[in-house]
Amino acid sequence: MIGQLTDPNLETELCRDVFCFVRMANSTIGNSKAMKEEDCLGCRLVSGFGLFFIGAYLYRQSQRQSGTFSKITVVSLSAVSIGLGVARICNAPLFPKDK
């Protein structure tokens, strides 16, 4: 049939990824335990590469800036965005809580 997935495992995996994204969006921000349990590879890759490419875009735009202050500002923002993207892909705990 048209519009129907032929592999039921693929359908299950897609549904699991969508539900993972929805649970992460609905979870509380301060609950790091819930975030660790629900953080899947696909979610990390999408958000990490998104941040990385936003940083690359900002860096490219900084080359067009004429003023020194604006160049430094945009390059700084791009470095932060790239750093956060790499940290997100690597699943680095940026602000670990002491127990």
PDB file of N, CA and C in Angstrom:
ATOM      1  N   MET A   1       0.833  -1.190   0.000  1.00  0.00           N
ATOM      2  CA  MET A   1       0.000   0.000   0.000  1.00  0.00           C
ATOM      3  C   MET A   1       0.874   1.248   0.000  1.00  0.00           C
ATOM      4  N   ILE A   2       0.365   2.276  -0.605  1.00  0.00           N
ATOM      5  CA  ILE A   2       1.086   3.544  -0.654  1.00  0.00           C
ATOM      6  C   ILE A   2       0.946   4.241   0.695  1.00  0.00           C
ATOM      7  N   GLY A   3       2.055   4.789   1.194  1.00  0.00           N
ATOM      8  CA  GLY A   3       2.032   5.521   2.445  1.00  0.00           C
ATOM      9  C   GLY A   3       2.168   4.642   3.675  1.00  0.00           C
ATOM     10  N   GLN A   4       2.403   3.366   3.494  1.00  0.00           N
ATOM     11  CA  GLN A   4       2.524   2.473   4.632  1.00  0.00           C
ATOM     12  C   GLN A   4       3.961   1.959   4.700  1.00  0.00           C
ATOM     13  N   LEU A   5       4.518   1.924   5.909  1.00  0.00           N
ATOM     14  CA  LEU A   5       5.865   1.422   6.086  1.00  0.00           C
ATOM     15  C   LEU A   5       5.880  -0.087   5.938  1.00  0.00           C
ATOM     16  N   THR A   6       6.873  -0.608   5.251  1.00  0.00           N
ATOM     17  CA  THR A   6       6.944  -2.046   5.049  1.00  0.00           C
ATOM     18  C   THR A   6       7.632  -2.755   6.202  1.00  0.00           C
ATOM     19  N   ASP A   7       8.495  -2.074   6.933  1.00  0.00           N
ATOM     20  CA  ASP A   7       9.232  -2.683   8.038  1.00  0.00           C
ATOM     21  C   ASP A   7       8.613  -2.247   9.360  1.00  0.00           C
ATOM     22  N   PRO A   8       7.994  -3.157  10.114  1.00  0.00           N
ATOM     23  CA  PRO A   8       7.373  -2.758  11.387  1.00  0.00           C
ATOM     24  C   PRO A   8       8.410  -2.312  12.419  1.00  0.00           C
ATOM     25  N   ASN A   9       9.658  -2.802  12.324  1.00  0.00           N
ATOM     26  CA  ASN A   9      10.688  -2.358  13.268  1.00  0.00           C
ATOM     27  C   ASN A   9      11.031  -0.892  13.053  1.00  0.00           C
ATOM     28  N   LEU A  10      11.041  -0.459  11.792  1.00  0.00           N
ATOM     29  CA  LEU A  10      11.314   0.939  11.489  1.00  0.00           C
ATOM     30  C   LEU A  10      10.213   1.829  12.040  1.00  0.00           C
ATOM     31  N   GLU A  11       8.979   1.387  11.900  1.00  0.00           N
ATOM     32  CA  GLU A  11       7.856   2.159  12.425  1.00  0.00           C
ATOM     33  C   GLU A  11       7.960   2.275  13.943  1.00  0.00           C
ATOM     34  N   THR A  12       8.319   1.202  14.619  1.00  0.00           N
ATOM     35  CA  THR A  12       8.464   1.226  16.068  1.00  0.00           C
ATOM     36  C   THR A  12       9.587   2.168  16.473  1.00  0.00           C
ATOM     37  N   GLU A  13      10.691   2.134  15.733  1.00  0.00           N
ATOM     38  CA  GLU A  13      11.828   3.002  16.049  1.00  0.00           C
ATOM     39  C   GLU A  13      11.464   4.471  15.836  1.00  0.00           C
ATOM     40  N   LEU A  14      10.756   4.782  14.764  1.00  0.00           N
ATOM     41  CA  LEU A  14      10.344   6.165  14.521  1.00  0.00           C
ATOM     42  C   LEU A  14       9.411   6.655  15.611  1.00  0.00           C
ATOM     43  N   CYS A  15       8.461   5.836  16.012  1.00  0.00           N
ATOM     44  CA  CYS A  15       7.542   6.219  17.079  1.00  0.00           C
ATOM     45  C   CYS A  15       8.290   6.428  18.391  1.00  0.00           C
ATOM     46  N   ARG A  16       9.278   5.576  18.673  1.00  0.00           N
ATOM     47  CA  ARG A  16      10.043   5.698  19.911  1.00  0.00           C
ATOM     48  C   ARG A  16      10.814   7.017  19.921  1.00  0.00           C
ATOM     49  N   ASP A  17      11.402   7.387  18.784  1.00  0.00           N
ATOM     50  CA  ASP A  17      12.143   8.640  18.707  1.00  0.00           C
ATOM     51  C   ASP A  17      11.224   9.845  18.871  1.00  0.00           C
ATOM     52  N   VAL A  18      10.047   9.799  18.283  1.00  0.00           N
ATOM     53  CA  VAL A  18       9.100  10.900  18.416  1.00  0.00           C
ATOM     54  C   VAL A  18       8.632  11.018  19.861  1.00  0.00           C
ATOM     55  N   PHE A  19       8.327   9.905  20.509  1.00  0.00           N
ATOM     56  CA  PHE A  19       7.894   9.947  21.897  1.00  0.00           C
ATOM     57  C   PHE A  19       9.023  10.412  22.806  1.00  0.00           C
ATOM     58  N   CYS A  20      10.256  10.060  22.489  1.00  0.00           N
ATOM     59  CA  CYS A  20      11.410  10.520  23.256  1.00  0.00           C
ATOM     60  C   CYS A  20      11.505  12.043  23.179  1.00  0.00           C
ATOM     61  N   PHE A  21      11.329  12.590  21.985  1.00  0.00           N
ATOM     62  CA  PHE A  21      11.393  14.036  21.804  1.00  0.00           C
ATOM     63  C   PHE A  21      10.273  14.726  22.580  1.00  0.00           C
ATOM     64  N   VAL A  22       9.073  14.172  22.540  1.00  0.00           N
ATOM     65  CA  VAL A  22       7.941  14.776  23.239  1.00  0.00           C
ATOM     66  C   VAL A  22       8.153  14.715  24.745  1.00  0.00           C
ATOM     67  N   ARG A  23       8.665  13.591  25.254  1.00  0.00           N
ATOM     68  CA  ARG A  23       8.917  13.491  26.696  1.00  0.00           C
ATOM     69  C   ARG A  23       9.982  14.479  27.133  1.00  0.00           C
ATOM     70  N   MET A  24      11.028  14.662  26.316  1.00  0.00           N
ATOM     71  CA  MET A  24      12.055  15.626  26.671  1.00  0.00           C
ATOM     72  C   MET A  24      11.503  17.041  26.669  1.00  0.00           C
ATOM     73  N   ALA A  25      10.637  17.346  25.728  1.00  0.00           N
ATOM     74  CA  ALA A  25      10.062  18.687  25.658  1.00  0.00           C
ATOM     75  C   ALA A  25       9.141  18.956  26.843  1.00  0.00           C
ATOM     76  N   ASN A  26       8.466  17.932  27.342  1.00  0.00           N
ATOM     77  CA  ASN A  26       7.536  18.105  28.445  1.00  0.00           C
ATOM     78  C   ASN A  26       8.175  17.956  29.814  1.00  0.00           C
ATOM     79  N   SER A  27       9.402  17.445  29.885  1.00  0.00           N
ATOM     80  CA  SER A  27      10.038  17.241  31.184  1.00  0.00           C
ATOM     81  C   SER A  27      10.510  18.574  31.747  1.00  0.00           C
ATOM     82  N   THR A  28      10.716  18.594  33.049  1.00  0.00           N
ATOM     83  CA  THR A  28      11.186  19.821  33.674  1.00  0.00           C
ATOM     84  C   THR A  28      12.661  20.018  33.386  1.00  0.00           C
ATOM     85  N   ILE A  29      13.073  21.263  33.280  1.00  0.00           N
ATOM     86  CA  ILE A  29      14.441  21.582  32.898  1.00  0.00           C
ATOM     87  C   ILE A  29      15.421  21.189  33.995  1.00  0.00           C
ATOM     88  N   GLY A  30      15.080  21.373  35.232  1.00  0.00           N
ATOM     89  CA  GLY A  30      15.998  21.099  36.327  1.00  0.00           C
ATOM     90  C   GLY A  30      16.153  19.632  36.671  1.00  0.00           C
ATOM     91  N   ASN A  31      15.368  18.761  36.068  1.00  0.00           N
ATOM     92  CA  ASN A  31      15.406  17.345  36.405  1.00  0.00           C
ATOM     93  C   ASN A  31      16.448  16.650  35.533  1.00  0.00           C
ATOM     94  N   SER A  32      17.707  16.637  35.984  1.00  0.00           N
ATOM     95  CA  SER A  32      18.781  16.076  35.160  1.00  0.00           C
ATOM     96  C   SER A  32      18.680  14.565  35.051  1.00  0.00           C
ATOM     97  N   LYS A  33      18.113  13.887  36.052  1.00  0.00           N
ATOM     98  CA  LYS A  33      17.967  12.433  35.988  1.00  0.00           C
ATOM     99  C   LYS A  33      17.000  12.034  34.876  1.00  0.00           C
ATOM    100  N   ALA A  34      15.901  12.754  34.754  1.00  0.00           N
ATOM    101  CA  ALA A  34      14.940  12.459  33.682  1.00  0.00           C
ATOM    102  C   ALA A  34      15.552  12.749  32.322  1.00  0.00           C
ATOM    103  N   MET A  35      16.356  13.803  32.229  1.00  0.00           N
ATOM    104  CA  MET A  35      16.989  14.129  30.958  1.00  0.00           C
ATOM    105  C   MET A  35      17.987  13.043  30.558  1.00  0.00           C
ATOM    106  N   LYS A  36      18.748  12.494  31.502  1.00  0.00           N
ATOM    107  CA  LYS A  36      19.710  11.444  31.185  1.00  0.00           C
ATOM    108  C   LYS A  36      18.999  10.181  30.712  1.00  0.00           C
ATOM    109  N   GLU A  37      17.868   9.842  31.323  1.00  0.00           N
ATOM    110  CA  GLU A  37      17.156   8.625  30.956  1.00  0.00           C
ATOM    111  C   GLU A  37      16.496   8.736  29.592  1.00  0.00           C
ATOM    112  N   GLU A  38      16.041   9.925  29.226  1.00  0.00           N
ATOM    113  CA  GLU A  38      15.274  10.090  28.002  1.00  0.00           C
ATOM    114  C   GLU A  38      16.102  10.642  26.838  1.00  0.00           C
ATOM    115  N   ASP A  39      17.388  10.869  27.041  1.00  0.00           N
ATOM    116  CA  ASP A  39      18.223  11.480  26.022  1.00  0.00           C
ATOM    117  C   ASP A  39      18.721  10.426  25.041  1.00  0.00           C
ATOM    118  N   CYS A  40      18.150  10.410  23.854  1.00  0.00           N
ATOM    119  CA  CYS A  40      18.536   9.399  22.869  1.00  0.00           C
ATOM    120  C   CYS A  40      19.566   9.984  21.894  1.00  0.00           C
ATOM    121  N   LEU A  41      20.217   9.112  21.160  1.00  0.00           N
ATOM    122  CA  LEU A  41      21.263   9.523  20.226  1.00  0.00           C
ATOM    123  C   LEU A  41      20.713  10.438  19.139  1.00  0.00           C
ATOM    124  N   GLY A  42      19.553  10.108  18.619  1.00  0.00           N
ATOM    125  CA  GLY A  42      18.957  10.930  17.558  1.00  0.00           C
ATOM    126  C   GLY A  42      18.678  12.350  18.024  1.00  0.00           C
ATOM    127  N   CYS A  43      18.195  12.491  19.252  1.00  0.00           N
ATOM    128  CA  CYS A  43      17.916  13.824  19.798  1.00  0.00           C
ATOM    129  C   CYS A  43      19.204  14.619  19.960  1.00  0.00           C
ATOM    130  N   ARG A  44      20.252  13.951  20.439  1.00  0.00           N
ATOM    131  CA  ARG A  44      21.541  14.630  20.613  1.00  0.00           C
ATOM    132  C   ARG A  44      22.133  15.041  19.269  1.00  0.00           C
ATOM    133  N   LEU A  45      22.017  14.192  18.263  1.00  0.00           N
ATOM    134  CA  LEU A  45      22.579  14.510  16.951  1.00  0.00           C
ATOM    135  C   LEU A  45      21.861  15.677  16.293  1.00  0.00           C
ATOM    136  N   VAL A  46      20.544  15.683  16.355  1.00  0.00           N
ATOM    137  CA  VAL A  46      19.775  16.756  15.711  1.00  0.00           C
ATOM    138  C   VAL A  46      20.068  18.093  16.382  1.00  0.00           C
ATOM    139  N   SER A  47      19.992  18.132  17.699  1.00  0.00           N
ATOM    140  CA  SER A  47      20.214  19.405  18.380  1.00  0.00           C
ATOM    141  C   SER A  47      21.681  19.814  18.335  1.00  0.00           C
ATOM    142  N   GLY A  48      22.599  18.852  18.453  1.00  0.00           N
ATOM    143  CA  GLY A  48      24.026  19.169  18.429  1.00  0.00           C
ATOM    144  C   GLY A  48      24.476  19.710  17.086  1.00  0.00           C
ATOM    145  N   PHE A  49      24.076  19.034  16.008  1.00  0.00           N
ATOM    146  CA  PHE A  49      24.464  19.518  14.684  1.00  0.00           C
ATOM    147  C   PHE A  49      23.742  20.815  14.339  1.00  0.00           C
ATOM    148  N   GLY A  50      22.533  20.991  14.866  1.00  0.00           N
ATOM    149  CA  GLY A  50      21.832  22.266  14.665  1.00  0.00           C
ATOM    150  C   GLY A  50      22.610  23.419  15.272  1.00  0.00           C
ATOM    151  N   LEU A  51      23.051  23.245  16.517  1.00  0.00           N
ATOM    152  CA  LEU A  51      23.863  24.283  17.160  1.00  0.00           C
ATOM    153  C   LEU A  51      25.184  24.490  16.434  1.00  0.00           C
ATOM    154  N   PHE A  52      25.802  23.394  16.004  1.00  0.00           N
ATOM    155  CA  PHE A  52      27.079  23.487  15.301  1.00  0.00           C
ATOM    156  C   PHE A  52      26.941  24.287  14.006  1.00  0.00           C
ATOM    157  N   PHE A  53      25.915  24.001  13.223  1.00  0.00           N
ATOM    158  CA  PHE A  53      25.753  24.700  11.945  1.00  0.00           C
ATOM    159  C   PHE A  53      25.277  26.136  12.136  1.00  0.00           C
ATOM    160  N   ILE A  54      24.553  26.412  13.209  1.00  0.00           N
ATOM    161  CA  ILE A  54      24.219  27.813  13.516  1.00  0.00           C
ATOM    162  C   ILE A  54      25.499  28.583  13.812  1.00  0.00           C
ATOM    163  N   GLY A  55      26.405  27.952  14.571  1.00  0.00           N
ATOM    164  CA  GLY A  55      27.683  28.592  14.855  1.00  0.00           C
ATOM    165  C   GLY A  55      28.515  28.806  13.602  1.00  0.00           C
ATOM    166  N   ALA A  56      28.499  27.829  12.701  1.00  0.00           N
ATOM    167  CA  ALA A  56      29.238  27.979  11.443  1.00  0.00           C
ATOM    168  C   ALA A  56      28.644  29.107  10.599  1.00  0.00           C
ATOM    169  N   TYR A  57      27.319  29.209  10.593  1.00  0.00           N
ATOM    170  CA  TYR A  57      26.659  30.287   9.858  1.00  0.00           C
ATOM    171  C   TYR A  57      27.024  31.648  10.454  1.00  0.00           C
ATOM    172  N   LEU A  58      27.008  31.727  11.785  1.00  0.00           N
ATOM    173  CA  LEU A  58      27.372  32.982  12.435  1.00  0.00           C
ATOM    174  C   LEU A  58      28.818  33.363  12.128  1.00  0.00           C
ATOM    175  N   TYR A  59      29.704  32.379  12.125  1.00  0.00           N
ATOM    176  CA  TYR A  59      31.102  32.677  11.801  1.00  0.00           C
ATOM    177  C   TYR A  59      31.225  33.206  10.372  1.00  0.00           C
ATOM    178  N   ARG A  60      30.502  32.599   9.463  1.00  0.00           N
ATOM    179  CA  ARG A  60      30.533  33.044   8.063  1.00  0.00           C
ATOM    180  C   ARG A  60      30.002  34.470   7.945  1.00  0.00           C
ATOM    181  N   GLN A  61      28.957  34.775   8.713  1.00  0.00           N
ATOM    182  CA  GLN A  61      28.396  36.123   8.675  1.00  0.00           C
ATOM    183  C   GLN A  61      29.329  37.141   9.326  1.00  0.00           C
ATOM    184  N   SER A  62      30.147  36.684  10.275  1.00  0.00           N
ATOM    185  CA  SER A  62      31.074  37.616  10.923  1.00  0.00           C
ATOM    186  C   SER A  62      32.122  38.125   9.943  1.00  0.00           C
ATOM    187  N   GLN A  63      32.399  37.369   8.902  1.00  0.00           N
ATOM    188  CA  GLN A  63      33.374  37.805   7.905  1.00  0.00           C
ATOM    189  C   GLN A  63      32.854  38.994   7.096  1.00  0.00           C
ATOM    190  N   ARG A  64      31.564  39.194   7.097  1.00  0.00           N
ATOM    191  CA  ARG A  64      30.956  40.302   6.348  1.00  0.00           C
ATOM    192  C   ARG A  64      30.817  41.575   7.189  1.00  0.00           C
ATOM    193  N   GLN A  65      31.050  41.479   8.489  1.00  0.00           N
ATOM    194  CA  GLN A  65      30.884  42.634   9.365  1.00  0.00           C
ATOM    195  C   GLN A  65      31.999  43.639   9.120  1.00  0.00           C
ATOM    196  N   SER A  66      31.658  44.915   9.228  1.00  0.00           N
ATOM    197  CA  SER A  66      32.656  45.946   8.962  1.00  0.00           C
ATOM    198  C   SER A  66      33.336  46.437  10.235  1.00  0.00           C
ATOM    199  N   GLY A  67      32.604  46.519  11.315  1.00  0.00           N
ATOM    200  CA  GLY A  67      33.187  47.035  12.549  1.00  0.00           C
ATOM    201  C   GLY A  67      33.906  45.957  13.353  1.00  0.00           C
ATOM    202  N   THR A  68      34.925  46.363  14.099  1.00  0.00           N
ATOM    203  CA  THR A  68      35.698  45.418  14.904  1.00  0.00           C
ATOM    204  C   THR A  68      34.852  44.844  16.037  1.00  0.00           C
ATOM    205  N   PHE A  69      34.094  45.713  16.711  1.00  0.00           N
ATOM    206  CA  PHE A  69      33.276  45.248  17.829  1.00  0.00           C
ATOM    207  C   PHE A  69      32.219  44.249  17.360  1.00  0.00           C
ATOM    208  N   SER A  70      31.577  44.520  16.244  1.00  0.00           N
ATOM    209  CA  SER A  70      30.543  43.607  15.748  1.00  0.00           C
ATOM    210  C   SER A  70      31.160  42.282  15.304  1.00  0.00           C
ATOM    211  N   LYS A  71      32.369  42.321  14.720  1.00  0.00           N
ATOM    212  CA  LYS A  71      33.044  41.074  14.344  1.00  0.00           C
ATOM    213  C   LYS A  71      33.345  40.223  15.569  1.00  0.00           C
ATOM    214  N   ILE A  72      33.890  40.855  16.602  1.00  0.00           N
ATOM    215  CA  ILE A  72      34.233  40.126  17.823  1.00  0.00           C
ATOM    216  C   ILE A  72      32.988  39.544  18.473  1.00  0.00           C
ATOM    217  N   THR A  73      31.907  40.299  18.474  1.00  0.00           N
ATOM    218  CA  THR A  73      30.660  39.827  19.076  1.00  0.00           C
ATOM    219  C   THR A  73      30.114  38.617  18.332  1.00  0.00           C
ATOM    220  N   VAL A  74      30.048  38.680  17.032  1.00  0.00           N
ATOM    221  CA  VAL A  74      29.484  37.582  16.242  1.00  0.00           C
ATOM    222  C   VAL A  74      30.391  36.353  16.288  1.00  0.00           C
ATOM    223  N   VAL A  75      31.710  36.547  16.260  1.00  0.00           N
ATOM    224  CA  VAL A  75      32.636  35.418  16.366  1.00  0.00           C
ATOM    225  C   VAL A  75      32.499  34.760  17.736  1.00  0.00           C
ATOM    226  N   SER A  76      32.322  35.552  18.786  1.00  0.00           N
ATOM    227  CA  SER A  76      32.131  34.994  20.132  1.00  0.00           C
ATOM    228  C   SER A  76      30.857  34.167  20.215  1.00  0.00           C
ATOM    229  N   LEU A  77      29.786  34.695  19.653  1.00  0.00           N
ATOM    230  CA  LEU A  77      28.526  33.940  19.639  1.00  0.00           C
ATOM    231  C   LEU A  77      28.665  32.649  18.839  1.00  0.00           C
ATOM    232  N   SER A  78      29.384  32.703  17.740  1.00  0.00           N
ATOM    233  CA  SER A  78      29.555  31.492  16.934  1.00  0.00           C
ATOM    234  C   SER A  78      30.401  30.462  17.674  1.00  0.00           C
ATOM    235  N   ALA A  79      31.428  30.907  18.398  1.00  0.00           N
ATOM    236  CA  ALA A  79      32.263  29.976  19.162  1.00  0.00           C
ATOM    237  C   ALA A  79      31.459  29.302  20.269  1.00  0.00           C
ATOM    238  N   VAL A  80      30.609  30.057  20.939  1.00  0.00           N
ATOM    239  CA  VAL A  80      29.757  29.478  21.987  1.00  0.00           C
ATOM    240  C   VAL A  80      28.791  28.470  21.386  1.00  0.00           C
ATOM    241  N   SER A  81      28.183  28.812  20.275  1.00  0.00           N
ATOM    242  CA  SER A  81      27.232  27.908  19.628  1.00  0.00           C
ATOM    243  C   SER A  81      27.907  26.626  19.155  1.00  0.00           C
ATOM    244  N   ILE A  82      29.082  26.733  18.566  1.00  0.00           N
ATOM    245  CA  ILE A  82      29.811  25.544  18.117  1.00  0.00           C
ATOM    246  C   ILE A  82      30.216  24.696  19.315  1.00  0.00           C
ATOM    247  N   GLY A  83      30.688  25.346  20.376  1.00  0.00           N
ATOM    248  CA  GLY A  83      31.075  24.611  21.578  1.00  0.00           C
ATOM    249  C   GLY A  83      29.912  23.875  22.211  1.00  0.00           C
ATOM    250  N   LEU A  84      28.762  24.521  22.288  1.00  0.00           N
ATOM    251  CA  LEU A  84      27.571  23.862  22.837  1.00  0.00           C
ATOM    252  C   LEU A  84      27.114  22.714  21.945  1.00  0.00           C
ATOM    253  N   GLY A  85      27.233  22.884  20.639  1.00  0.00           N
ATOM    254  CA  GLY A  85      26.854  21.812  19.722  1.00  0.00           C
ATOM    255  C   GLY A  85      27.738  20.585  19.894  1.00  0.00           C
ATOM    256  N   VAL A  86      29.039  20.800  20.008  1.00  0.00           N
ATOM    257  CA  VAL A  86      29.964  19.679  20.200  1.00  0.00           C
ATOM    258  C   VAL A  86      29.712  19.021  21.551  1.00  0.00           C
ATOM    259  N   ALA A  87      29.476  19.836  22.586  1.00  0.00           N
ATOM    260  CA  ALA A  87      29.188  19.275  23.905  1.00  0.00           C
ATOM    261  C   ALA A  87      27.893  18.474  23.891  1.00  0.00           C
ATOM    262  N   ARG A  88      26.908  18.930  23.153  1.00  0.00           N
ATOM    263  CA  ARG A  88      25.624  18.222  23.070  1.00  0.00           C
ATOM    264  C   ARG A  88      25.793  16.891  22.343  1.00  0.00           C
ATOM    265  N   ILE A  89      26.554  16.878  21.266  1.00  0.00           N
ATOM    266  CA  ILE A  89      26.779  15.636  20.527  1.00  0.00           C
ATOM    267  C   ILE A  89      27.525  14.629  21.400  1.00  0.00           C
ATOM    268  N   CYS A  90      28.509  15.114  22.143  1.00  0.00           N
ATOM    269  CA  CYS A  90      29.320  14.229  23.002  1.00  0.00           C
ATOM    270  C   CYS A  90      28.630  13.895  24.315  1.00  0.00           C
ATOM    271  N   ASN A  91      27.466  14.483  24.560  1.00  0.00           N
ATOM    272  CA  ASN A  91      26.688  14.245  25.782  1.00  0.00           C
ATOM    273  C   ASN A  91      27.484  14.653  27.021  1.00  0.00           C
ATOM    274  N   ALA A  92      28.173  15.774  26.931  1.00  0.00           N
ATOM    275  CA  ALA A  92      28.991  16.264  28.035  1.00  0.00           C
ATOM    276  C   ALA A  92      28.109  16.952  29.072  1.00  0.00           C
ATOM    277  N   PRO A  93      28.294  16.608  30.345  1.00  0.00           N
ATOM    278  CA  PRO A  93      27.545  17.312  31.394  1.00  0.00           C
ATOM    279  C   PRO A  93      28.177  18.680  31.636  1.00  0.00           C
ATOM    280  N   LEU A  94      27.550  19.741  31.160  1.00  0.00           N
ATOM    281  CA  LEU A  94      28.138  21.070  31.273  1.00  0.00           C
ATOM    282  C   LEU A  94      28.104  21.616  32.697  1.00  0.00           C
ATOM    283  N   PHE A  95      27.035  21.382  33.391  1.00  0.00           N
ATOM    284  CA  PHE A  95      26.883  21.888  34.748  1.00  0.00           C
ATOM    285  C   PHE A  95      26.493  20.746  35.676  1.00  0.00           C
ATOM    286  N   PRO A  96      27.443  19.860  36.012  1.00  0.00           N
ATOM    287  CA  PRO A  96      27.084  18.725  36.877  1.00  0.00           C
ATOM    288  C   PRO A  96      26.761  19.221  38.296  1.00  0.00           C
ATOM    289  N   LYS A  97      25.792  18.558  38.909  1.00  0.00           N
ATOM    290  CA  LYS A  97      25.408  18.905  40.271  1.00  0.00           C
ATOM    291  C   LYS A  97      26.185  18.049  41.252  1.00  0.00           C
ATOM    292  N   ASP A  98      26.662  18.666  42.305  1.00  0.00           N
ATOM    293  CA  ASP A  98      27.353  17.918  43.345  1.00  0.00           C
ATOM    294  C   ASP A  98      26.320  17.200  44.198  1.00  0.00           C
ATOM    295  N   LYS A  99      26.667  15.968  44.587  1.00  0.00           N
ATOM    296  CA  LYS A  99      25.717  15.187  45.393  1.00  0.00           C
ATOM    297  C   LYS A  99      26.091  15.192  46.835  1.00  0.00           C
TER     298      LYS A  99
END
